[in-house]
């Protein structure tokens, strides 16, 4: 599945810590919600960049790779990211005219494991 160009640029800029390049991909009223976090929602490019830079100061040299992409028929794209330590981040993005308008990040301290086949939900015939 193809990742929208704005997100290709966003992930590349983030991994290189190119905050100016990343800012060019954000809507002026970008909203970012990180879970878990006590800070809640961040609004605006400056606040987004400040929070992102702060998170990298706390987490060190994390570099993320995309493991999975899910795209809806609308402007939403979901990604599963993994860093070099195996930590997982689920990210959902809403694009508006090629810019990131909203982002939701769900952070996990440990890798996600695949459920055994017996735990998978199987649709029942109608």
PDB file of N, CA and C in Angstrom:
ATOM      1  N   UNK A   1       0.854  -1.173   0.000  1.00  0.00           N
ATOM      2  CA  UNK A   1       0.000   0.000   0.000  1.00  0.00           C
ATOM      3  C   UNK A   1       0.898   1.233   0.000  1.00  0.00           C
ATOM      4  N   UNK A   2       0.490   2.224  -0.742  1.00  0.00           N
ATOM      5  CA  UNK A   2       1.277   3.436  -0.905  1.00  0.00           C
ATOM      6  C   UNK A   2       0.997   4.463   0.195  1.00  0.00           C
ATOM      7  N   UNK A   3       2.044   5.037   0.731  1.00  0.00           N
ATOM      8  CA  UNK A   3       1.931   6.079   1.741  1.00  0.00           C
ATOM      9  C   UNK A   3       1.781   7.425   1.030  1.00  0.00           C
ATOM     10  N   UNK A   4       0.835   8.283   1.480  1.00  0.00           N
ATOM     11  CA  UNK A   4       0.722   9.613   0.858  1.00  0.00           C
ATOM     12  C   UNK A   4       2.053  10.363   0.924  1.00  0.00           C
ATOM     13  N   UNK A   5       2.351  11.136  -0.104  1.00  0.00           N
ATOM     14  CA  UNK A   5       3.639  11.832  -0.206  1.00  0.00           C
ATOM     15  C   UNK A   5       3.924  12.720   1.003  1.00  0.00           C
ATOM     16  N   UNK A   6       2.899  13.364   1.538  1.00  0.00           N
ATOM     17  CA  UNK A   6       3.105  14.223   2.705  1.00  0.00           C
ATOM     18  C   UNK A   6       3.648  13.414   3.883  1.00  0.00           C
ATOM     19  N   UNK A   7       3.186  12.181   4.048  1.00  0.00           N
ATOM     20  CA  UNK A   7       3.653  11.352   5.157  1.00  0.00           C
ATOM     21  C   UNK A   7       5.033  10.773   4.889  1.00  0.00           C
ATOM     22  N   UNK A   8       5.348  10.482   3.628  1.00  0.00           N
ATOM     23  CA  UNK A   8       6.709  10.057   3.283  1.00  0.00           C
ATOM     24  C   UNK A   8       7.679  11.156   3.710  1.00  0.00           C
ATOM     25  N   UNK A   9       7.360  12.393   3.340  1.00  0.00           N
ATOM     26  CA  UNK A   9       8.206  13.529   3.706  1.00  0.00           C
ATOM     27  C   UNK A   9       8.260  13.761   5.200  1.00  0.00           C
ATOM     28  N   UNK A  10       7.117  13.603   5.876  1.00  0.00           N
ATOM     29  CA  UNK A  10       7.046  13.816   7.313  1.00  0.00           C
ATOM     30  C   UNK A  10       7.942  12.835   8.067  1.00  0.00           C
ATOM     31  N   UNK A  11       7.829  11.544   7.740  1.00  0.00           N
ATOM     32  CA  UNK A  11       8.639  10.536   8.432  1.00  0.00           C
ATOM     33  C   UNK A  11      10.124  10.718   8.129  1.00  0.00           C
ATOM     34  N   UNK A  12      10.447  11.053   6.882  1.00  0.00           N
ATOM     35  CA  UNK A  12      11.839  11.285   6.519  1.00  0.00           C
ATOM     36  C   UNK A  12      12.404  12.476   7.291  1.00  0.00           C
ATOM     37  N   UNK A  13      11.670  13.581   7.318  1.00  0.00           N
ATOM     38  CA  UNK A  13      12.126  14.775   8.035  1.00  0.00           C
ATOM     39  C   UNK A  13      12.254  14.495   9.528  1.00  0.00           C
ATOM     40  N   UNK A  14      11.306  13.760  10.086  1.00  0.00           N
ATOM     41  CA  UNK A  14      11.355  13.441  11.520  1.00  0.00           C
ATOM     42  C   UNK A  14      12.581  12.599  11.856  1.00  0.00           C
ATOM     43  N   UNK A  15      12.844  11.579  11.069  1.00  0.00           N
ATOM     44  CA  UNK A  15      14.004  10.719  11.339  1.00  0.00           C
ATOM     45  C   UNK A  15      15.322  11.469  11.175  1.00  0.00           C
ATOM     46  N   UNK A  16      15.353  12.495  10.310  1.00  0.00           N
ATOM     47  CA  UNK A  16      16.567  13.294  10.125  1.00  0.00           C
ATOM     48  C   UNK A  16      16.610  14.495  11.070  1.00  0.00           C
ATOM     49  N   UNK A  17      15.529  14.699  11.844  1.00  0.00           N
ATOM     50  CA  UNK A  17      15.387  15.845  12.760  1.00  0.00           C
ATOM     51  C   UNK A  17      15.441  17.162  11.981  1.00  0.00           C
ATOM     52  N   UNK A  18      14.833  17.149  10.798  1.00  0.00           N
ATOM     53  CA  UNK A  18      14.734  18.339   9.951  1.00  0.00           C
ATOM     54  C   UNK A  18      13.411  19.030  10.279  1.00  0.00           C
ATOM     55  N   UNK A  19      13.403  19.808  11.348  1.00  0.00           N
ATOM     56  CA  UNK A  19      12.161  20.402  11.841  1.00  0.00           C
ATOM     57  C   UNK A  19      11.583  21.422  10.868  1.00  0.00           C
ATOM     58  N   UNK A  20      12.432  22.138  10.149  1.00  0.00           N
ATOM     59  CA  UNK A  20      11.943  23.114   9.171  1.00  0.00           C
ATOM     60  C   UNK A  20      11.239  22.405   8.012  1.00  0.00           C
ATOM     61  N   UNK A  21      11.847  21.337   7.531  1.00  0.00           N
ATOM     62  CA  UNK A  21      11.229  20.557   6.458  1.00  0.00           C
ATOM     63  C   UNK A  21       9.927  19.923   6.904  1.00  0.00           C
ATOM     64  N   UNK A  22       9.894  19.442   8.143  1.00  0.00           N
ATOM     65  CA  UNK A  22       8.686  18.845   8.691  1.00  0.00           C
ATOM     66  C   UNK A  22       7.580  19.890   8.823  1.00  0.00           C
ATOM     67  N   UNK A  23       7.929  21.094   9.265  1.00  0.00           N
ATOM     68  CA  UNK A  23       6.946  22.170   9.445  1.00  0.00           C
ATOM     69  C   UNK A  23       6.232  22.490   8.139  1.00  0.00           C
ATOM     70  N   UNK A  24       6.934  22.370   7.017  1.00  0.00           N
ATOM     71  CA  UNK A  24       6.336  22.673   5.712  1.00  0.00           C
ATOM     72  C   UNK A  24       5.234  21.689   5.329  1.00  0.00           C
ATOM     73  N   UNK A  25       5.158  20.547   6.018  1.00  0.00           N
ATOM     74  CA  UNK A  25       4.163  19.517   5.721  1.00  0.00           C
ATOM     75  C   UNK A  25       2.961  19.574   6.656  1.00  0.00           C
ATOM     76  N   UNK A  26       2.954  20.546   7.574  1.00  0.00           N
ATOM     77  CA  UNK A  26       1.889  20.662   8.566  1.00  0.00           C
ATOM     78  C   UNK A  26       0.925  21.781   8.204  1.00  0.00           C
ATOM     79  N   UNK A  27      -0.348  21.507   8.396  1.00  0.00           N
ATOM     80  CA  UNK A  27      -1.396  22.526   8.252  1.00  0.00           C
ATOM     81  C   UNK A  27      -1.176  23.577   9.334  1.00  0.00           C
ATOM     82  N   UNK A  28      -1.445  24.862   9.082  1.00  0.00           N
ATOM     83  CA  UNK A  28      -1.238  25.896  10.111  1.00  0.00           C
ATOM     84  C   UNK A  28      -1.973  25.613  11.424  1.00  0.00           C
ATOM     85  N   UNK A  29      -3.117  24.941  11.345  1.00  0.00           N
ATOM     86  CA  UNK A  29      -3.901  24.616  12.539  1.00  0.00           C
ATOM     87  C   UNK A  29      -3.783  23.141  12.915  1.00  0.00           C
ATOM     88  N   UNK A  30      -2.636  22.526  12.637  1.00  0.00           N
ATOM     89  CA  UNK A  30      -2.440  21.110  12.914  1.00  0.00           C
ATOM     90  C   UNK A  30      -2.773  20.802  14.371  1.00  0.00           C
ATOM     91  N   UNK A  31      -3.392  19.659  14.581  1.00  0.00           N
ATOM     92  CA  UNK A  31      -3.716  19.170  15.926  1.00  0.00           C
ATOM     93  C   UNK A  31      -3.044  17.818  16.107  1.00  0.00           C
ATOM     94  N   UNK A  32      -2.415  17.632  17.267  1.00  0.00           N
ATOM     95  CA  UNK A  32      -1.721  16.371  17.545  1.00  0.00           C
ATOM     96  C   UNK A  32      -2.082  15.911  18.947  1.00  0.00           C
ATOM     97  N   UNK A  33      -2.590  14.691  19.037  1.00  0.00           N
ATOM     98  CA  UNK A  33      -2.940  14.085  20.317  1.00  0.00           C
ATOM     99  C   UNK A  33      -2.072  12.860  20.519  1.00  0.00           C
ATOM    100  N   UNK A  34      -1.395  12.809  21.667  1.00  0.00           N
ATOM    101  CA  UNK A  34      -0.520  11.685  21.997  1.00  0.00           C
ATOM    102  C   UNK A  34      -1.098  10.951  23.199  1.00  0.00           C
ATOM    103  N   UNK A  35      -1.170   9.610  23.092  1.00  0.00           N
ATOM    104  CA  UNK A  35      -1.669   8.774  24.174  1.00  0.00           C
ATOM    105  C   UNK A  35      -0.632   7.698  24.463  1.00  0.00           C
ATOM    106  N   UNK A  36      -0.184   7.465  25.656  1.00  0.00           N
ATOM    107  CA  UNK A  36      -0.563   8.180  26.875  1.00  0.00           C
ATOM    108  C   UNK A  36       0.225   9.481  26.996  1.00  0.00           C
ATOM    109  N   UNK A  37      -0.414  10.487  27.526  1.00  0.00           N
ATOM    110  CA  UNK A  37       0.229  11.774  27.762  1.00  0.00           C
ATOM    111  C   UNK A  37      -0.657  12.613  28.659  1.00  0.00           C
ATOM    112  N   UNK A  38      -0.030  13.374  29.499  1.00  0.00           N
ATOM    113  CA  UNK A  38      -0.788  14.296  30.347  1.00  0.00           C
ATOM    114  C   UNK A  38      -1.023  15.628  29.643  1.00  0.00           C
ATOM    115  N   UNK A  39      -0.364  15.836  28.529  1.00  0.00           N
ATOM    116  CA  UNK A  39      -0.458  17.115  27.832  1.00  0.00           C
ATOM    117  C   UNK A  39      -1.681  17.224  26.932  1.00  0.00           C
ATOM    118  N   UNK A  40      -2.307  16.111  26.621  1.00  0.00           N
ATOM    119  CA  UNK A  40      -3.486  16.167  25.776  1.00  0.00           C
ATOM    120  C   UNK A  40      -3.171  16.577  24.350  1.00  0.00           C
ATOM    121  N   UNK A  41      -3.982  17.453  23.827  1.00  0.00           N
ATOM    122  CA  UNK A  41      -3.899  17.856  22.423  1.00  0.00           C
ATOM    123  C   UNK A  41      -2.996  19.078  22.274  1.00  0.00           C
ATOM    124  N   UNK A  42      -2.191  19.076  21.223  1.00  0.00           N
ATOM    125  CA  UNK A  42      -1.329  20.197  20.862  1.00  0.00           C
ATOM    126  C   UNK A  42      -1.881  20.790  19.576  1.00  0.00           C
ATOM    127  N   UNK A  43      -1.966  22.126  19.506  1.00  0.00           N
ATOM    128  CA  UNK A  43      -2.530  22.787  18.334  1.00  0.00           C
ATOM    129  C   UNK A  43      -1.542  23.818  17.796  1.00  0.00           C
ATOM    130  N   UNK A  44      -1.332  23.808  16.475  1.00  0.00           N
ATOM    131  CA  UNK A  44      -0.468  24.766  15.808  1.00  0.00           C
ATOM    132  C   UNK A  44       0.908  24.200  15.507  1.00  0.00           C
ATOM    133  N   UNK A  45       1.530  24.732  14.467  1.00  0.00           N
ATOM    134  CA  UNK A  45       2.832  24.225  14.020  1.00  0.00           C
ATOM    135  C   UNK A  45       3.898  24.404  15.091  1.00  0.00           C
ATOM    136  N   UNK A  46       3.996  25.585  15.678  1.00  0.00           N
ATOM    137  CA  UNK A  46       5.043  25.824  16.683  1.00  0.00           C
ATOM    138  C   UNK A  46       4.905  24.877  17.873  1.00  0.00           C
ATOM    139  N   UNK A  47       3.679  24.697  18.358  1.00  0.00           N
ATOM    140  CA  UNK A  47       3.446  23.800  19.500  1.00  0.00           C
ATOM    141  C   UNK A  47       3.754  22.354  19.114  1.00  0.00           C
ATOM    142  N   UNK A  48       3.383  21.958  17.902  1.00  0.00           N
ATOM    143  CA  UNK A  48       3.663  20.606  17.401  1.00  0.00           C
ATOM    144  C   UNK A  48       5.171  20.354  17.400  1.00  0.00           C
ATOM    145  N   UNK A  49       5.925  21.288  16.811  1.00  0.00           N
ATOM    146  CA  UNK A  49       7.375  21.115  16.721  1.00  0.00           C
ATOM    147  C   UNK A  49       8.033  21.126  18.098  1.00  0.00           C
ATOM    148  N   UNK A  50       7.568  21.997  18.967  1.00  0.00           N
ATOM    149  CA  UNK A  50       8.124  22.054  20.322  1.00  0.00           C
ATOM    150  C   UNK A  50       7.928  20.723  21.040  1.00  0.00           C
ATOM    151  N   UNK A  51       6.736  20.177  20.919  1.00  0.00           N
ATOM    152  CA  UNK A  51       6.434  18.899  21.580  1.00  0.00           C
ATOM    153  C   UNK A  51       7.234  17.755  20.969  1.00  0.00           C
ATOM    154  N   UNK A  52       7.374  17.759  19.646  1.00  0.00           N
ATOM    155  CA  UNK A  52       8.125  16.712  18.966  1.00  0.00           C
ATOM    156  C   UNK A  52       9.602  16.767  19.362  1.00  0.00           C
ATOM    157  N   UNK A  53      10.179  17.948  19.350  1.00  0.00           N
ATOM    158  CA  UNK A  53      11.581  18.096  19.744  1.00  0.00           C
ATOM    159  C   UNK A  53      11.784  17.663  21.195  1.00  0.00           C
ATOM    160  N   UNK A  54      10.850  18.024  22.065  1.00  0.00           N
ATOM    161  CA  UNK A  54      10.927  17.627  23.469  1.00  0.00           C
ATOM    162  C   UNK A  54      10.889  16.106  23.611  1.00  0.00           C
ATOM    163  N   UNK A  55      10.029  15.468  22.838  1.00  0.00           N
ATOM    164  CA  UNK A  55       9.930  14.005  22.944  1.00  0.00           C
ATOM    165  C   UNK A  55      11.224  13.338  22.490  1.00  0.00           C
ATOM    166  N   UNK A  56      11.905  13.901  21.493  1.00  0.00           N
ATOM    167  CA  UNK A  56      13.177  13.319  21.062  1.00  0.00           C
ATOM    168  C   UNK A  56      14.297  13.611  22.050  1.00  0.00           C
ATOM    169  N   UNK A  57      14.235  14.720  22.744  1.00  0.00           N
ATOM    170  CA  UNK A  57      15.226  14.966  23.797  1.00  0.00           C
ATOM    171  C   UNK A  57      15.080  13.921  24.902  1.00  0.00           C
ATOM    172  N   UNK A  58      13.837  13.508  25.176  1.00  0.00           N
ATOM    173  CA  UNK A  58      13.574  12.517  26.224  1.00  0.00           C
ATOM    174  C   UNK A  58      13.870  11.091  25.772  1.00  0.00           C
ATOM    175  N   UNK A  59      13.602  10.793  24.499  1.00  0.00           N
ATOM    176  CA  UNK A  59      13.710   9.408  24.030  1.00  0.00           C
ATOM    177  C   UNK A  59      15.041   9.091  23.361  1.00  0.00           C
ATOM    178  N   UNK A  60      15.881  10.068  23.168  1.00  0.00           N
ATOM    179  CA  UNK A  60      17.180   9.804  22.555  1.00  0.00           C
ATOM    180  C   UNK A  60      17.117   9.764  21.046  1.00  0.00           C
ATOM    181  N   UNK A  61      17.838   8.847  20.494  1.00  0.00           N
ATOM    182  CA  UNK A  61      18.038   8.801  19.044  1.00  0.00           C
ATOM    183  C   UNK A  61      17.101   7.832  18.327  1.00  0.00           C
ATOM    184  N   UNK A  62      15.878   7.756  18.726  1.00  0.00           N
ATOM    185  CA  UNK A  62      14.933   6.837  18.087  1.00  0.00           C
ATOM    186  C   UNK A  62      14.786   7.153  16.598  1.00  0.00           C
ATOM    187  N   UNK A  63      14.792   6.107  15.805  1.00  0.00           N
ATOM    188  CA  UNK A  63      14.532   6.201  14.369  1.00  0.00           C
ATOM    189  C   UNK A  63      13.434   5.187  14.070  1.00  0.00           C
ATOM    190  N   UNK A  64      12.381   5.642  13.421  1.00  0.00           N
ATOM    191  CA  UNK A  64      11.230   4.783  13.173  1.00  0.00           C
ATOM    192  C   UNK A  64      11.200   4.279  11.742  1.00  0.00           C
ATOM    193  N   UNK A  65      10.750   3.038  11.585  1.00  0.00           N
ATOM    194  CA  UNK A  65      10.488   2.442  10.273  1.00  0.00           C
ATOM    195  C   UNK A  65       9.015   2.084  10.221  1.00  0.00           C
ATOM    196  N   UNK A  66       8.446   2.176   9.049  1.00  0.00           N
ATOM    197  CA  UNK A  66       7.034   1.847   8.858  1.00  0.00           C
ATOM    198  C   UNK A  66       6.901   0.341   8.677  1.00  0.00           C
ATOM    199  N   UNK A  67       6.058  -0.264   9.521  1.00  0.00           N
ATOM    200  CA  UNK A  67       5.812  -1.709   9.427  1.00  0.00           C
ATOM    201  C   UNK A  67       4.522  -2.010   8.681  1.00  0.00           C
ATOM    202  N   UNK A  68       3.499  -1.178   8.904  1.00  0.00           N
ATOM    203  CA  UNK A  68       2.207  -1.395   8.244  1.00  0.00           C
ATOM    204  C   UNK A  68       1.572  -0.051   7.905  1.00  0.00           C
ATOM    205  N   UNK A  69       0.770  -0.067   6.853  1.00  0.00           N
ATOM    206  CA  UNK A  69       0.018   1.118   6.429  1.00  0.00           C
ATOM    207  C   UNK A  69      -1.416   0.683   6.179  1.00  0.00           C
ATOM    208  N   UNK A  70      -2.362   1.466   6.663  1.00  0.00           N
ATOM    209  CA  UNK A  70      -3.782   1.238   6.384  1.00  0.00           C
ATOM    210  C   UNK A  70      -4.350   2.570   5.909  1.00  0.00           C
ATOM    211  N   UNK A  71      -4.977   2.564   4.743  1.00  0.00           N
ATOM    212  CA  UNK A  71      -5.584   3.787   4.218  1.00  0.00           C
ATOM    213  C   UNK A  71      -7.073   3.584   4.038  1.00  0.00           C
ATOM    214  N   UNK A  72      -7.829   4.593   4.465  1.00  0.00           N
ATOM    215  CA  UNK A  72      -9.266   4.570   4.279  1.00  0.00           C
ATOM    216  C   UNK A  72      -9.636   5.268   2.980  1.00  0.00           C
ATOM    217  N   UNK A  73     -10.917   5.285   2.668  1.00  0.00           N
ATOM    218  CA  UNK A  73     -11.391   5.964   1.471  1.00  0.00           C
ATOM    219  C   UNK A  73     -11.408   7.476   1.664  1.00  0.00           C
ATOM    220  N   UNK A  74     -11.263   7.915   2.903  1.00  0.00           N
ATOM    221  CA  UNK A  74     -11.268   9.344   3.180  1.00  0.00           C
ATOM    222  C   UNK A  74      -9.826   9.826   3.333  1.00  0.00           C
ATOM    223  N   UNK A  75      -9.609  10.850   4.082  1.00  0.00           N
ATOM    224  CA  UNK A  75      -8.287  11.450   4.229  1.00  0.00           C
ATOM    225  C   UNK A  75      -7.451  10.803   5.323  1.00  0.00           C
ATOM    226  N   UNK A  76      -7.907   9.679   5.883  1.00  0.00           N
ATOM    227  CA  UNK A  76      -7.180   9.055   6.997  1.00  0.00           C
ATOM    228  C   UNK A  76      -6.182   8.003   6.522  1.00  0.00           C
ATOM    229  N   UNK A  77      -5.019   8.027   7.163  1.00  0.00           N
ATOM    230  CA  UNK A  77      -4.000   7.000   6.953  1.00  0.00           C
ATOM    231  C   UNK A  77      -3.487   6.586   8.317  1.00  0.00           C
ATOM    232  N   UNK A  78      -3.420   5.286   8.553  1.00  0.00           N
ATOM    233  CA  UNK A  78      -2.869   4.759   9.807  1.00  0.00           C
ATOM    234  C   UNK A  78      -1.565   4.047   9.503  1.00  0.00           C
ATOM    235  N   UNK A  79      -0.606   4.201  10.419  1.00  0.00           N
ATOM    236  CA  UNK A  79       0.673   3.524  10.262  1.00  0.00           C
ATOM    237  C   UNK A  79       1.055   2.845  11.568  1.00  0.00           C
ATOM    238  N   UNK A  80       1.758   1.756  11.440  1.00  0.00           N
ATOM    239  CA  UNK A  80       2.382   1.101  12.589  1.00  0.00           C
ATOM    240  C   UNK A  80       3.875   1.314  12.403  1.00  0.00           C
ATOM    241  N   UNK A  81       4.487   1.983  13.370  1.00  0.00           N
ATOM    242  CA  UNK A  81       5.911   2.270  13.311  1.00  0.00           C
ATOM    243  C   UNK A  81       6.647   1.450  14.358  1.00  0.00           C
ATOM    244  N   UNK A  82       7.892   1.124  14.072  1.00  0.00           N
ATOM    245  CA  UNK A  82       8.728   0.408  15.040  1.00  0.00           C
ATOM    246  C   UNK A  82      10.089   1.098  15.077  1.00  0.00           C
ATOM    247  N   UNK A  83      10.625   1.277  16.284  1.00  0.00           N
ATOM    248  CA  UNK A  83      11.955   1.871  16.397  1.00  0.00           C
ATOM    249  C   UNK A  83      13.000   0.766  16.524  1.00  0.00           C
ATOM    250  N   UNK A  84      14.260   1.155  16.603  1.00  0.00           N
ATOM    251  CA  UNK A  84      15.346   0.173  16.626  1.00  0.00           C
ATOM    252  C   UNK A  84      15.336  -0.695  17.881  1.00  0.00           C
ATOM    253  N   UNK A  85      14.622  -0.269  18.935  1.00  0.00           N
ATOM    254  CA  UNK A  85      14.498  -1.078  20.156  1.00  0.00           C
ATOM    255  C   UNK A  85      13.284  -2.005  20.096  1.00  0.00           C
ATOM    256  N   UNK A  86      12.508  -1.924  19.027  1.00  0.00           N
ATOM    257  CA  UNK A  86      11.326  -2.766  18.889  1.00  0.00           C
ATOM    258  C   UNK A  86      10.060  -2.151  19.461  1.00  0.00           C
ATOM    259  N   UNK A  87      10.124  -0.909  19.953  1.00  0.00           N
ATOM    260  CA  UNK A  87       8.932  -0.239  20.481  1.00  0.00           C
ATOM    261  C   UNK A  87       8.014   0.167  19.336  1.00  0.00           C
ATOM    262  N   UNK A  88       6.728   0.078  19.607  1.00  0.00           N
ATOM    263  CA  UNK A  88       5.704   0.305  18.593  1.00  0.00           C
ATOM    264  C   UNK A  88       4.997   1.632  18.835  1.00  0.00           C
ATOM    265  N   UNK A  89       4.669   2.291  17.737  1.00  0.00           N
ATOM    266  CA  UNK A  89       3.849   3.494  17.763  1.00  0.00           C
ATOM    267  C   UNK A  89       2.793   3.338  16.674  1.00  0.00           C
ATOM    268  N   UNK A  90       1.538   3.531  17.048  1.00  0.00           N
ATOM    269  CA  UNK A  90       0.454   3.542  16.066  1.00  0.00           C
ATOM    270  C   UNK A  90       0.104   5.004  15.809  1.00  0.00           C
ATOM    271  N   UNK A  91       0.127   5.404  14.561  1.00  0.00           N
ATOM    272  CA  UNK A  91      -0.093   6.799  14.186  1.00  0.00           C
ATOM    273  C   UNK A  91      -1.233   6.872  13.178  1.00  0.00           C
ATOM    274  N   UNK A  92      -2.157   7.782  13.419  1.00  0.00           N
ATOM    275  CA  UNK A  92      -3.251   8.021  12.477  1.00  0.00           C
ATOM    276  C   UNK A  92      -3.164   9.474  12.046  1.00  0.00           C
ATOM    277  N   UNK A  93      -3.227   9.707  10.752  1.00  0.00           N
ATOM    278  CA  UNK A  93      -3.099  11.045  10.192  1.00  0.00           C
ATOM    279  C   UNK A  93      -4.304  11.386   9.338  1.00  0.00           C
ATOM    280  N   UNK A  94      -4.747  12.624   9.448  1.00  0.00           N
ATOM    281  CA  UNK A  94      -5.767  13.171   8.565  1.00  0.00           C
ATOM    282  C   UNK A  94      -5.100  14.262   7.743  1.00  0.00           C
ATOM    283  N   UNK A  95      -5.180  14.129   6.413  1.00  0.00           N
ATOM    284  CA  UNK A  95      -4.577  15.112   5.523  1.00  0.00           C
ATOM    285  C   UNK A  95      -5.626  16.080   5.001  1.00  0.00           C
ATOM    286  N   UNK A  96      -5.183  17.304   4.751  1.00  0.00           N
ATOM    287  CA  UNK A  96      -6.039  18.350   4.189  1.00  0.00           C
ATOM    288  C   UNK A  96      -5.216  19.088   3.149  1.00  0.00           C
ATOM    289  N   UNK A  97      -5.573  18.899   1.868  1.00  0.00           N
ATOM    290  CA  UNK A  97      -4.838  19.525   0.759  1.00  0.00           C
ATOM    291  C   UNK A  97      -3.341  19.229   0.818  1.00  0.00           C
ATOM    292  N   UNK A  98      -3.000  17.976   1.110  1.00  0.00           N
ATOM    293  CA  UNK A  98      -1.615  17.545   1.112  1.00  0.00           C
ATOM    294  C   UNK A  98      -0.820  17.900   2.356  1.00  0.00           C
ATOM    295  N   UNK A  99      -1.482  18.444   3.377  1.00  0.00           N
ATOM    296  CA  UNK A  99      -0.820  18.788   4.631  1.00  0.00           C
ATOM    297  C   UNK A  99      -1.427  17.983   5.774  1.00  0.00           C
ATOM    298  N   UNK A 100      -0.627  17.700   6.789  1.00  0.00           N
ATOM    299  CA  UNK A 100      -1.124  16.984   7.962  1.00  0.00           C
ATOM    300  C   UNK A 100      -1.992  17.948   8.766  1.00  0.00           C
ATOM    301  N   UNK A 101      -3.275  17.610   8.870  1.00  0.00           N
ATOM    302  CA  UNK A 101      -4.235  18.456   9.599  1.00  0.00           C
ATOM    303  C   UNK A 101      -4.409  17.965  11.037  1.00  0.00           C
ATOM    304  N   UNK A 102      -4.510  16.649  11.191  1.00  0.00           N
ATOM    305  CA  UNK A 102      -4.649  16.062  12.530  1.00  0.00           C
ATOM    306  C   UNK A 102      -3.788  14.802  12.596  1.00  0.00           C
ATOM    307  N   UNK A 103      -3.250  14.557  13.803  1.00  0.00           N
ATOM    308  CA  UNK A 103      -2.465  13.344  14.034  1.00  0.00           C
ATOM    309  C   UNK A 103      -2.788  12.819  15.417  1.00  0.00           C
ATOM    310  N   UNK A 104      -2.891  11.503  15.503  1.00  0.00           N
ATOM    311  CA  UNK A 104      -3.116  10.821  16.773  1.00  0.00           C
ATOM    312  C   UNK A 104      -2.007   9.794  16.915  1.00  0.00           C
ATOM    313  N   UNK A 105      -1.284   9.832  18.020  1.00  0.00           N
ATOM    314  CA  UNK A 105      -0.184   8.894  18.272  1.00  0.00           C
ATOM    315  C   UNK A 105      -0.503   8.059  19.498  1.00  0.00           C
ATOM    316  N   UNK A 106      -0.339   6.754  19.361  1.00  0.00           N
ATOM    317  CA  UNK A 106      -0.548   5.819  20.454  1.00  0.00           C
ATOM    318  C   UNK A 106       0.780   5.114  20.684  1.00  0.00           C
ATOM    319  N   UNK A 107       1.394   5.389  21.826  1.00  0.00           N
ATOM    320  CA  UNK A 107       2.737   4.912  22.109  1.00  0.00           C
ATOM    321  C   UNK A 107       2.715   3.696  23.022  1.00  0.00           C
ATOM    322  N   UNK A 108       3.543   2.723  22.709  1.00  0.00           N
ATOM    323  CA  UNK A 108       3.651   1.509  23.503  1.00  0.00           C
ATOM    324  C   UNK A 108       5.098   1.346  23.935  1.00  0.00           C
ATOM    325  N   UNK A 109       5.316   0.937  25.169  1.00  0.00           N
ATOM    326  CA  UNK A 109       6.667   0.756  25.702  1.00  0.00           C
ATOM    327  C   UNK A 109       7.268  -0.590  25.331  1.00  0.00           C
ATOM    328  N   UNK A 110       6.468  -1.460  24.771  1.00  0.00           N
ATOM    329  CA  UNK A 110       6.961  -2.786  24.412  1.00  0.00           C
ATOM    330  C   UNK A 110       6.364  -3.183  23.067  1.00  0.00           C
ATOM    331  N   UNK A 111       7.027  -4.085  22.378  1.00  0.00           N
ATOM    332  CA  UNK A 111       6.500  -4.519  21.077  1.00  0.00           C
ATOM    333  C   UNK A 111       5.121  -5.165  21.199  1.00  0.00           C
ATOM    334  N   UNK A 112       4.325  -4.987  20.169  1.00  0.00           N
ATOM    335  CA  UNK A 112       3.026  -5.656  20.080  1.00  0.00           C
ATOM    336  C   UNK A 112       3.278  -7.085  19.633  1.00  0.00           C
ATOM    337  N   UNK A 113       2.553  -8.021  20.218  1.00  0.00           N
ATOM    338  CA  UNK A 113       2.681  -9.414  19.797  1.00  0.00           C
ATOM    339  C   UNK A 113       1.451  -9.805  18.992  1.00  0.00           C
ATOM    340  N   UNK A 114       1.648 -10.700  18.084  1.00  0.00           N
ATOM    341  CA  UNK A 114       0.540 -11.195  17.268  1.00  0.00           C
ATOM    342  C   UNK A 114      -0.289 -12.164  18.108  1.00  0.00           C
ATOM    343  N   UNK A 115      -1.624 -12.069  18.041  1.00  0.00           N
ATOM    344  CA  UNK A 115      -2.450 -13.002  18.812  1.00  0.00           C
ATOM    345  C   UNK A 115      -2.394 -14.405  18.214  1.00  0.00           C
ATOM    346  N   UNK A 116      -2.551 -15.412  19.063  1.00  0.00           N
ATOM    347  CA  UNK A 116      -2.644 -16.774  18.510  1.00  0.00           C
ATOM    348  C   UNK A 116      -3.895 -16.877  17.644  1.00  0.00           C
ATOM    349  N   UNK A 117      -3.869 -17.768  16.688  1.00  0.00           N
ATOM    350  CA  UNK A 117      -5.010 -17.944  15.784  1.00  0.00           C
ATOM    351  C   UNK A 117      -6.318 -18.139  16.542  1.00  0.00           C
ATOM    352  N   UNK A 118      -6.238 -18.772  17.705  1.00  0.00           N
ATOM    353  CA  UNK A 118      -7.448 -19.050  18.472  1.00  0.00           C
ATOM    354  C   UNK A 118      -8.082 -17.772  19.030  1.00  0.00           C
ATOM    355  N   UNK A 119      -7.327 -16.684  19.112  1.00  0.00           N
ATOM    356  CA  UNK A 119      -7.851 -15.426  19.634  1.00  0.00           C
ATOM    357  C   UNK A 119      -8.377 -14.493  18.539  1.00  0.00           C
ATOM    358  N   UNK A 120      -8.192 -14.860  17.282  1.00  0.00           N
ATOM    359  CA  UNK A 120      -8.656 -14.014  16.192  1.00  0.00           C
ATOM    360  C   UNK A 120     -10.172 -14.091  16.072  1.00  0.00           C
ATOM    361  N   UNK A 121     -10.784 -12.964  15.802  1.00  0.00           N
ATOM    362  CA  UNK A 121     -12.226 -12.952  15.596  1.00  0.00           C
ATOM    363  C   UNK A 121     -12.544 -13.467  14.203  1.00  0.00           C
ATOM    364  N   UNK A 122     -13.465 -14.369  14.127  1.00  0.00           N
ATOM    365  CA  UNK A 122     -13.873 -14.947  12.856  1.00  0.00           C
ATOM    366  C   UNK A 122     -15.316 -14.555  12.608  1.00  0.00           C
ATOM    367  N   UNK A 123     -15.602 -13.955  11.437  1.00  0.00           N
ATOM    368  CA  UNK A 123     -16.995 -13.563  11.174  1.00  0.00           C
ATOM    369  C   UNK A 123     -17.917 -14.785  11.105  1.00  0.00           C
ATOM    370  N   UNK A 124     -19.098 -14.645  11.646  1.00  0.00           N
ATOM    371  CA  UNK A 124     -20.075 -15.722  11.588  1.00  0.00           C
ATOM    372  C   UNK A 124     -20.981 -15.500  10.391  1.00  0.00           C
ATOM    373  N   UNK A 125     -21.400 -16.565   9.757  1.00  0.00           N
ATOM    374  CA  UNK A 125     -22.284 -16.420   8.583  1.00  0.00           C
ATOM    375  C   UNK A 125     -23.599 -15.771   8.989  1.00  0.00           C
ATOM    376  N   UNK A 126     -24.110 -14.944   8.105  1.00  0.00           N
ATOM    377  CA  UNK A 126     -25.390 -14.258   8.376  1.00  0.00           C
ATOM    378  C   UNK A 126     -26.572 -15.159   8.133  1.00  0.00           C
TER     379      UNK A 126
END
